[in-house]
N, C-alpha and C. Protein backbone atom coordinates (compact mmCIF):
# COMPACT_ATOMS: atom_id res chain seq x y z
N UNK A 1 -41.53 98.01 11.51
CA UNK A 1 -40.30 98.12 11.32
C UNK A 1 -40.44 99.18 9.30
N UNK A 2 -39.54 100.29 9.24
CA UNK A 2 -39.47 101.07 7.58
C UNK A 2 -38.32 100.60 7.31
N UNK A 3 -38.67 100.64 5.88
CA UNK A 3 -37.55 100.34 5.04
C UNK A 3 -37.60 101.24 3.92
N UNK A 4 -36.51 102.36 4.49
CA UNK A 4 -35.94 103.35 3.51
C UNK A 4 -34.73 102.80 2.51
N UNK A 5 -35.29 103.00 0.95
CA UNK A 5 -34.72 103.09 0.01
C UNK A 5 -33.98 104.18 -0.54
N UNK A 6 -32.17 104.05 -0.24
CA UNK A 6 -31.59 105.14 -1.31
C UNK A 6 -30.77 104.96 -2.46
N UNK A 7 -31.05 105.61 -2.95
CA UNK A 7 -30.07 105.49 -4.56
C UNK A 7 -28.90 106.52 -3.91
N UNK A 8 -27.76 106.18 -4.36
CA UNK A 8 -26.54 106.71 -4.51
C UNK A 8 -26.54 108.07 -4.90
N UNK A 9 -25.58 108.66 -4.50
CA UNK A 9 -25.37 110.18 -4.68
C UNK A 9 -25.21 110.53 -6.27
N UNK A 10 -25.13 111.51 -6.63
CA UNK A 10 -24.94 111.85 -8.39
C UNK A 10 -23.34 111.29 -8.49
N UNK A 11 -23.15 110.28 -9.50
CA UNK A 11 -21.74 109.73 -10.01
C UNK A 11 -21.27 110.18 -11.20
N UNK A 12 -19.86 110.29 -11.68
CA UNK A 12 -19.62 110.79 -12.99
C UNK A 12 -20.25 110.09 -14.19
N UNK A 13 -20.88 109.19 -14.13
CA UNK A 13 -21.87 107.91 -14.77
C UNK A 13 -23.01 109.07 -15.35
N UNK A 14 -23.91 109.59 -13.81
CA UNK A 14 -24.92 110.27 -14.27
C UNK A 14 -24.34 111.91 -15.20
N UNK A 15 -23.34 112.33 -14.58
CA UNK A 15 -23.09 113.81 -15.32
C UNK A 15 -22.81 112.99 -16.56
N UNK A 16 -22.22 111.78 -17.40
CA UNK A 16 -21.70 112.11 -18.40
C UNK A 16 -23.12 111.53 -19.39
N UNK A 17 -23.67 110.72 -18.72
CA UNK A 17 -24.98 110.32 -19.44
C UNK A 17 -26.01 111.44 -19.86
N UNK A 18 -26.06 112.59 -18.53
CA UNK A 18 -26.80 113.87 -18.86
C UNK A 18 -25.81 114.38 -19.99
N UNK A 19 -24.68 114.74 -20.19
CA UNK A 19 -24.01 115.50 -21.13
C UNK A 19 -24.30 114.52 -22.45
N UNK A 20 -23.72 113.79 -22.71
CA UNK A 20 -23.49 112.92 -23.89
C UNK A 20 -25.24 112.33 -24.21
N UNK A 21 -25.88 111.91 -23.74
CA UNK A 21 -26.57 111.03 -23.74
C UNK A 21 -26.26 109.14 -24.37
N UNK A 22 -25.15 109.09 -24.00
CA UNK A 22 -24.54 107.39 -23.94
C UNK A 22 -23.60 107.35 -23.15
N UNK A 23 -23.30 105.84 -22.70
CA UNK A 23 -22.68 105.34 -21.72
C UNK A 23 -20.83 105.06 -22.29
N UNK A 24 -20.95 105.24 -23.30
CA UNK A 24 -19.35 104.60 -24.17
C UNK A 24 -18.11 104.79 -23.53
N UNK A 25 -18.67 105.70 -22.59
CA UNK A 25 -17.24 106.41 -21.92
C UNK A 25 -17.39 105.90 -20.55
N UNK A 26 -18.33 105.50 -19.77
CA UNK A 26 -18.65 105.03 -18.98
C UNK A 26 -17.06 104.59 -17.89
N UNK A 27 -17.64 105.12 -16.29
CA UNK A 27 -16.85 103.81 -15.31
C UNK A 27 -17.05 102.62 -15.53
N UNK A 28 -16.62 102.19 -15.13
CA UNK A 28 -17.23 100.80 -14.96
C UNK A 28 -17.65 100.47 -12.71
N UNK A 29 -17.03 101.57 -12.39
CA UNK A 29 -17.09 101.84 -11.16
C UNK A 29 -17.10 102.97 -10.37
N UNK A 30 -17.58 103.82 -10.64
CA UNK A 30 -17.23 105.30 -10.78
C UNK A 30 -17.55 106.18 -9.29
N UNK A 31 -16.64 107.03 -9.32
CA UNK A 31 -17.13 107.75 -8.39
C UNK A 31 -18.21 108.67 -7.72
N UNK A 32 -18.57 109.24 -7.00
CA UNK A 32 -19.48 110.26 -6.84
C UNK A 32 -18.64 112.10 -6.92
N UNK A 33 -19.69 112.81 -7.59
CA UNK A 33 -18.86 114.13 -7.99
C UNK A 33 -18.99 114.95 -6.51
N UNK A 34 -18.84 116.10 -7.01
CA UNK A 34 -18.25 117.17 -6.01
C UNK A 34 -20.34 117.56 -5.45
N UNK A 35 -21.19 117.55 -6.86
CA UNK A 35 -22.82 117.63 -6.21
C UNK A 35 -23.05 116.69 -5.46
N UNK A 36 -22.21 115.40 -5.86
CA UNK A 36 -23.02 113.73 -5.29
C UNK A 36 -22.27 114.01 -3.83
N UNK A 37 -21.28 114.28 -3.29
CA UNK A 37 -20.46 114.73 -1.82
C UNK A 37 -21.62 115.79 -0.73
N UNK A 38 -22.20 116.53 -2.01
CA UNK A 38 -23.25 117.62 -1.05
C UNK A 38 -23.83 117.20 -0.93
N UNK A 39 -25.08 116.52 -1.75
CA UNK A 39 -25.87 115.64 -1.88
C UNK A 39 -25.72 114.70 -0.67
N UNK A 40 -24.87 113.55 -0.58
CA UNK A 40 -24.51 112.39 0.67
C UNK A 40 -24.39 113.49 2.10
N UNK A 41 -24.12 114.70 1.84
CA UNK A 41 -23.63 115.22 3.31
C UNK A 41 -25.44 116.19 3.63
N UNK A 42 -25.90 116.52 2.68
CA UNK A 42 -27.09 116.90 3.35
C UNK A 42 -28.19 115.82 3.03
N UNK A 43 -28.31 114.50 2.84
CA UNK A 43 -28.84 113.75 2.83
C UNK A 43 -28.74 112.99 4.81
N UNK A 44 -27.78 112.63 4.56
CA UNK A 44 -26.81 112.08 5.95
C UNK A 44 -27.30 113.45 7.13
N UNK A 45 -27.48 114.03 7.15
CA UNK A 45 -27.78 115.57 7.73
C UNK A 45 -29.41 115.39 8.21
N UNK A 46 -30.13 115.01 6.83
CA UNK A 46 -31.29 114.73 7.17
C UNK A 46 -31.58 114.13 7.86
N UNK A 47 -31.45 112.41 7.81
CA UNK A 47 -31.36 111.37 8.47
C UNK A 47 -31.20 111.73 9.59
N UNK A 48 -29.76 111.96 9.78
CA UNK A 48 -29.86 111.95 11.60
C UNK A 48 -30.37 113.03 12.26
N UNK A 49 -31.20 113.89 11.73
CA UNK A 49 -32.27 114.79 12.47
C UNK A 49 -33.09 114.58 13.65
N UNK A 50 -32.51 114.55 15.08
CA UNK A 50 -34.11 114.35 15.75
C UNK A 50 -35.24 114.87 15.26
N UNK A 51 -34.88 115.74 14.77
CA UNK A 51 -36.12 116.71 14.27
C UNK A 51 -37.15 116.13 12.79
N UNK A 52 -36.25 115.51 12.23
CA UNK A 52 -36.15 115.04 10.66
C UNK A 52 -37.48 114.43 10.84
N UNK A 53 -37.95 114.47 9.78
CA UNK A 53 -39.59 114.44 9.16
C UNK A 53 -39.68 112.99 8.04
N UNK A 54 -40.24 111.83 8.13
CA UNK A 54 -40.37 111.36 6.78
C UNK A 54 -41.36 111.88 6.23
N UNK A 55 -41.47 111.92 4.78
CA UNK A 55 -42.09 112.57 3.74
C UNK A 55 -43.54 111.68 4.43
N UNK A 56 -44.73 111.87 4.65
CA UNK A 56 -46.23 111.32 4.87
C UNK A 56 -46.65 110.12 3.78
N UNK A 57 -46.70 109.13 4.34
CA UNK A 57 -47.29 108.03 3.36
C UNK A 57 -48.01 107.20 4.12
N UNK A 58 -48.63 106.39 3.44
CA UNK A 58 -49.70 105.08 4.36
C UNK A 58 -49.03 104.44 5.03
N UNK A 59 -48.23 104.35 5.35
CA UNK A 59 -46.89 103.59 6.17
C UNK A 59 -46.74 104.16 7.38
N UNK A 60 -46.44 105.89 7.53
CA UNK A 60 -45.68 106.21 7.99
C UNK A 60 -46.94 107.44 9.51
N UNK A 61 -47.42 106.88 10.83
CA UNK A 61 -47.88 107.86 11.30
C UNK A 61 -48.19 109.51 11.15
N UNK A 62 -48.66 110.24 10.87
CA UNK A 62 -48.70 111.34 10.81
C UNK A 62 -48.09 112.37 12.09
N UNK A 63 -47.08 112.91 12.06
CA UNK A 63 -46.36 113.49 12.89
C UNK A 63 -45.58 112.57 13.60
N UNK A 64 -44.83 111.62 12.88
CA UNK A 64 -43.85 110.90 13.33
C UNK A 64 -42.35 111.52 12.83
N UNK A 65 -41.92 111.46 13.88
CA UNK A 65 -40.58 112.30 13.50
C UNK A 65 -39.65 111.36 13.46
N UNK A 66 -38.49 111.82 13.66
CA UNK A 66 -37.13 111.17 13.18
C UNK A 66 -37.56 109.71 12.88
N UNK A 67 -36.19 109.43 11.49
CA UNK A 67 -36.18 108.29 11.22
C UNK A 67 -35.54 107.03 11.73
N UNK A 68 -35.17 107.73 12.74
CA UNK A 68 -34.63 106.36 14.05
C UNK A 68 -34.17 105.44 12.89
N UNK A 69 -32.98 105.27 12.25
CA UNK A 69 -32.47 104.17 11.54
C UNK A 69 -31.31 103.47 12.43
N UNK A 70 -31.82 102.23 12.00
CA UNK A 70 -30.78 101.32 13.08
C UNK A 70 -29.87 100.46 12.21
N UNK A 71 -30.06 100.20 10.91
CA UNK A 71 -29.32 99.46 10.11
C UNK A 71 -29.07 99.70 8.61
N UNK A 72 -28.00 99.78 8.44
CA UNK A 72 -27.37 100.86 6.68
C UNK A 72 -27.13 99.89 5.72
N UNK A 73 -27.44 99.48 4.88
CA UNK A 73 -26.68 98.36 4.26
C UNK A 73 -26.53 98.87 2.69
N UNK A 74 -24.93 98.56 2.24
CA UNK A 74 -25.02 99.12 1.42
C UNK A 74 -23.96 98.42 0.42
N UNK A 75 -24.59 98.60 -0.66
CA UNK A 75 -23.45 97.65 -2.15
C UNK A 75 -22.43 97.91 -1.87
N UNK A 76 -21.33 97.12 -2.61
CA UNK A 76 -19.94 97.50 -2.80
C UNK A 76 -19.13 98.75 -3.77
N UNK A 77 -20.26 98.86 -4.62
CA UNK A 77 -19.93 99.68 -5.45
C UNK A 77 -19.32 101.26 -4.80
N UNK A 78 -18.20 101.81 -5.41
CA UNK A 78 -18.24 102.79 -5.39
C UNK A 78 -18.60 103.89 -4.47
N UNK A 79 -19.64 104.30 -5.51
CA UNK A 79 -20.84 105.28 -5.51
C UNK A 79 -21.84 105.32 -3.99
N UNK A 80 -22.12 103.95 -3.83
CA UNK A 80 -22.94 102.96 -2.78
C UNK A 80 -22.01 103.41 -1.41
N UNK A 81 -21.34 102.89 -1.58
CA UNK A 81 -20.27 103.04 -0.27
C UNK A 81 -19.99 104.10 -0.10
N UNK A 82 -19.54 105.12 -0.71
CA UNK A 82 -19.46 106.91 -0.35
C UNK A 82 -20.67 106.76 -0.17
N UNK A 83 -21.34 107.45 -0.62
CA UNK A 83 -23.00 107.60 0.17
C UNK A 83 -23.32 107.30 0.99
N UNK A 84 -22.77 105.90 1.49
CA UNK A 84 -23.26 105.43 2.55
C UNK A 84 -22.49 105.74 3.63
N UNK A 85 -21.41 105.81 3.80
CA UNK A 85 -20.26 106.55 4.67
C UNK A 85 -20.84 107.55 5.26
N UNK A 86 -21.71 108.71 4.56
CA UNK A 86 -21.90 110.07 5.35
C UNK A 86 -23.10 109.72 5.95
N UNK A 87 -24.04 108.70 5.51
CA UNK A 87 -25.30 108.62 6.39
C UNK A 87 -24.47 108.14 7.96
N UNK A 88 -23.65 106.52 7.67
CA UNK A 88 -23.23 105.89 8.41
C UNK A 88 -22.35 106.55 9.55
N UNK A 89 -21.98 107.82 9.07
CA UNK A 89 -21.02 108.80 9.95
C UNK A 89 -22.20 109.38 10.83
N UNK A 90 -23.07 110.38 10.36
CA UNK A 90 -24.11 111.36 11.22
C UNK A 90 -25.38 110.62 11.59
N UNK A 91 -25.50 108.92 11.72
CA UNK A 91 -26.35 108.04 12.19
C UNK A 91 -25.64 107.61 13.49
N UNK A 92 -24.78 107.49 13.31
CA UNK A 92 -23.81 106.99 14.45
C UNK A 92 -24.04 105.10 14.09
N UNK A 93 -24.24 104.58 13.04
CA UNK A 93 -24.60 103.08 12.91
C UNK A 93 -23.43 103.04 11.62
N UNK A 94 -23.12 101.41 11.52
CA UNK A 94 -22.47 100.67 10.91
C UNK A 94 -23.19 101.29 9.42
N UNK A 95 -22.35 101.06 8.10
CA UNK A 95 -22.75 100.44 6.77
C UNK A 95 -22.16 99.48 6.63
N UNK A 96 -23.01 98.56 6.77
CA UNK A 96 -23.06 96.97 6.37
C UNK A 96 -23.05 96.76 4.66
N UNK A 97 -22.19 96.38 4.30
CA UNK A 97 -21.65 96.51 2.71
C UNK A 97 -22.14 94.40 2.33
N UNK A 98 -22.80 94.66 1.47
CA UNK A 98 -23.32 93.01 0.76
C UNK A 98 -22.70 93.04 -0.98
N UNK A 99 -22.10 91.73 -1.12
CA UNK A 99 -22.08 91.58 -2.54
C UNK A 99 -22.89 91.10 -2.96
N UNK A 100 -24.31 91.17 -2.66
CA UNK A 100 -24.95 90.90 -3.81
C UNK A 100 -26.11 92.04 -3.84
N UNK A 101 -25.76 93.09 -3.80
CA UNK A 101 -26.46 94.41 -3.35
C UNK A 101 -25.66 95.13 -4.46
N UNK A 102 -25.94 95.40 -6.23
CA UNK A 102 -25.41 96.15 -6.87
C UNK A 102 -26.38 96.64 -7.99
N UNK A 103 -26.09 97.45 -8.80
CA UNK A 103 -26.30 98.54 -10.11
C UNK A 103 -26.89 97.41 -10.81
N UNK A 104 -27.92 97.40 -11.73
CA UNK A 104 -28.21 96.19 -12.83
C UNK A 104 -26.91 96.46 -14.10
N UNK A 105 -26.25 95.21 -14.38
CA UNK A 105 -25.65 94.98 -14.71
C UNK A 105 -24.15 94.59 -14.12
N UNK A 106 -24.14 94.86 -12.82
CA UNK A 106 -23.07 95.19 -11.89
C UNK A 106 -21.88 95.92 -12.50
N UNK A 107 -20.70 95.48 -12.21
CA UNK A 107 -19.21 96.10 -12.43
C UNK A 107 -18.92 95.27 -13.83
N UNK A 108 -18.92 96.47 -14.91
CA UNK A 108 -18.87 95.89 -16.25
C UNK A 108 -18.19 97.24 -17.61
N UNK A 109 -17.15 96.72 -18.22
CA UNK A 109 -17.30 97.68 -19.40
C UNK A 109 -17.72 96.97 -20.67
N UNK A 110 -17.80 97.63 -21.57
CA UNK A 110 -18.21 97.36 -23.14
C UNK A 110 -16.61 96.74 -23.74
N UNK A 111 -16.92 95.62 -24.72
CA UNK A 111 -16.00 95.20 -25.56
C UNK A 111 -15.81 96.36 -26.65
N UNK A 112 -15.38 95.78 -27.82
CA UNK A 112 -15.37 96.30 -28.86
C UNK A 112 -16.68 96.16 -29.72
N UNK A 113 -17.71 95.09 -29.56
CA UNK A 113 -19.09 94.92 -30.14
C UNK A 113 -19.83 95.47 -28.97
N UNK A 114 -19.35 96.54 -28.28
CA UNK A 114 -20.70 96.36 -27.58
C UNK A 114 -21.25 96.00 -26.30
N UNK A 115 -20.31 94.65 -26.10
CA UNK A 115 -21.07 93.78 -25.32
C UNK A 115 -20.71 93.77 -24.00
N UNK A 116 -21.25 93.79 -23.08
CA UNK A 116 -20.54 93.52 -21.67
C UNK A 116 -20.01 93.11 -21.05
N UNK A 117 -19.00 93.19 -20.42
CA UNK A 117 -18.37 92.09 -20.02
C UNK A 117 -17.79 92.73 -18.95
N UNK A 118 -18.20 91.61 -17.83
CA UNK A 118 -17.98 91.55 -16.21
C UNK A 118 -16.70 91.92 -15.93
N UNK A 119 -16.07 92.71 -14.70
CA UNK A 119 -14.76 93.05 -14.04
C UNK A 119 -15.35 92.31 -12.34
N UNK A 120 -13.73 92.01 -12.21
CA UNK A 120 -14.13 91.73 -10.24
C UNK A 120 -13.77 92.93 -9.89
N UNK A 121 -13.99 94.16 -10.15
CA UNK A 121 -14.16 95.43 -8.99
C UNK A 121 -13.10 95.51 -8.19
N UNK A 122 -13.27 96.51 -6.95
CA UNK A 122 -11.78 96.20 -6.31
C UNK A 122 -12.11 94.91 -5.48
N UNK A 123 -10.82 94.85 -5.03
CA UNK A 123 -10.84 93.68 -3.54
C UNK A 123 -10.77 94.10 -2.09
N UNK A 124 -10.18 93.02 -1.16
CA UNK A 124 -10.61 93.52 -0.10
C UNK A 124 -9.76 94.46 0.57
N UNK A 125 -8.15 94.65 0.02
CA UNK A 125 -7.63 95.83 0.40
C UNK A 125 -7.70 97.07 -0.12
N UNK A 126 -8.89 97.25 -1.04
CA UNK A 126 -9.26 98.57 -1.57
C UNK A 126 -9.97 98.99 -0.67
N UNK A 127 -11.09 97.95 -0.16
CA UNK A 127 -12.26 98.55 1.53
C UNK A 127 -11.70 98.53 2.13
N UNK A 128 -10.68 97.94 2.66
CA UNK A 128 -9.64 97.78 4.27
C UNK A 128 -9.44 99.27 4.33
N UNK A 129 -8.89 99.81 2.83
CA UNK A 129 -7.88 100.92 3.19
C UNK A 129 -8.89 102.19 3.00
N UNK A 130 -9.54 102.37 1.75
CA UNK A 130 -10.71 103.36 2.15
C UNK A 130 -11.62 104.14 2.53
N UNK A 131 -11.88 102.15 3.08
CA UNK A 131 -13.52 102.54 3.37
C UNK A 131 -13.94 101.62 4.97
N UNK A 132 -12.25 101.92 6.04
CA UNK A 132 -12.41 101.54 7.33
C UNK A 132 -13.35 101.44 8.32
N UNK A 133 -14.08 101.91 8.07
CA UNK A 133 -15.72 102.44 9.26
C UNK A 133 -16.63 101.22 8.67
N UNK A 134 -16.30 101.12 7.04
CA UNK A 134 -17.44 100.24 6.81
C UNK A 134 -17.67 98.13 7.15
N UNK A 135 -18.87 98.00 7.69
CA UNK A 135 -18.63 96.47 7.86
C UNK A 135 -18.26 96.17 6.29
N UNK A 136 -17.40 94.67 6.44
CA UNK A 136 -17.51 94.44 4.93
C UNK A 136 -17.88 92.56 5.05
N UNK A 137 -18.22 92.21 4.16
CA UNK A 137 -18.80 90.86 4.17
C UNK A 137 -17.66 89.79 4.32
N UNK A 138 -18.18 88.76 4.72
CA UNK A 138 -17.14 87.78 5.26
C UNK A 138 -16.91 87.13 3.45
N UNK A 139 -15.52 86.76 3.33
CA UNK A 139 -15.72 85.99 2.24
C UNK A 139 -14.79 86.91 0.61
N UNK A 140 -15.00 88.17 1.65
CA UNK A 140 -14.31 89.26 0.81
C UNK A 140 -13.19 89.29 0.46
N UNK A 141 -12.22 88.69 -1.03
CA UNK A 141 -11.23 87.97 -1.11
C UNK A 141 -9.91 89.72 -1.87
N UNK A 142 -9.44 88.99 -2.47
CA UNK A 142 -7.88 89.42 -3.64
C UNK A 142 -8.45 89.47 -4.58
N UNK A 143 -9.50 88.43 -5.25
CA UNK A 143 -9.98 88.95 -6.68
C UNK A 143 -10.53 89.70 -6.81
N UNK A 144 -11.05 90.21 -6.36
CA UNK A 144 -12.32 91.64 -6.60
C UNK A 144 -13.63 90.77 -6.08
N UNK A 145 -14.56 91.57 -5.69
CA UNK A 145 -15.86 91.58 -4.81
C UNK A 145 -17.13 90.76 -5.89
N UNK A 146 -16.60 91.51 -7.54
CA UNK A 146 -18.11 91.40 -8.22
C UNK A 146 -17.57 89.82 -8.89
N UNK A 147 -16.42 89.89 -9.58
CA UNK A 147 -15.88 88.68 -10.30
C UNK A 147 -16.75 87.92 -10.75
N UNK A 148 -17.09 87.86 -11.47
CA UNK A 148 -18.74 87.01 -12.64
C UNK A 148 -19.07 87.57 -13.74
N UNK A 149 -19.63 87.18 -14.21
CA UNK A 149 -19.84 88.26 -16.32
C UNK A 149 -20.79 88.81 -15.65
N UNK A 150 -21.17 89.83 -16.56
CA UNK A 150 -22.08 91.16 -16.26
C UNK A 150 -23.29 90.77 -15.87
N UNK A 151 -24.43 91.32 -15.21
CA UNK A 151 -25.23 90.92 -15.26
C UNK A 151 -26.32 90.71 -16.49
N UNK A 152 -27.53 90.10 -16.87
CA UNK A 152 -27.72 90.24 -17.68
C UNK A 152 -29.22 90.83 -18.02
N UNK A 153 -30.07 91.09 -18.90
CA UNK A 153 -31.55 91.36 -18.42
C UNK A 153 -32.28 90.35 -17.69
N UNK A 154 -32.37 89.16 -18.50
CA UNK A 154 -33.21 87.58 -17.83
C UNK A 154 -32.54 87.91 -16.11
N UNK A 155 -31.25 87.66 -16.01
CA UNK A 155 -31.13 87.86 -14.66
C UNK A 155 -31.33 88.93 -13.28
N UNK A 156 -31.68 90.49 -14.01
CA UNK A 156 -32.07 91.04 -13.72
C UNK A 156 -33.30 91.13 -12.84
């Protein structure tokens, strides 16, 4: 078994932080940027390429070709769902979304005192409409998939 961890493509928050150095105007669940869409397409093409070659490391035999992805798991965060969608389509495998896979802190915004406040996130109808090809977790409901306090450093 080989496990590849893939970070989401460039998000609007990545650009905001790079240009301003802070996240006070961040989006709780940002979209990916135009560059992020290009990154996702290139990633997907590479992973799906039958001649694609994983970077050499101790766990991959020299000369190993093709990634041979059989499973694709992703967060329900919009940037991860969008990135995974490209890979799923190119590799002809479903993107399997999970409620317990999310970036540090979860979906949150800052209150006036600068404390993170958890937000519910998009609901099941949003995901069914926007990501019809993704496999959604059982129990996803109309209350939003995150719907809990912001994750603390200790919980991380």
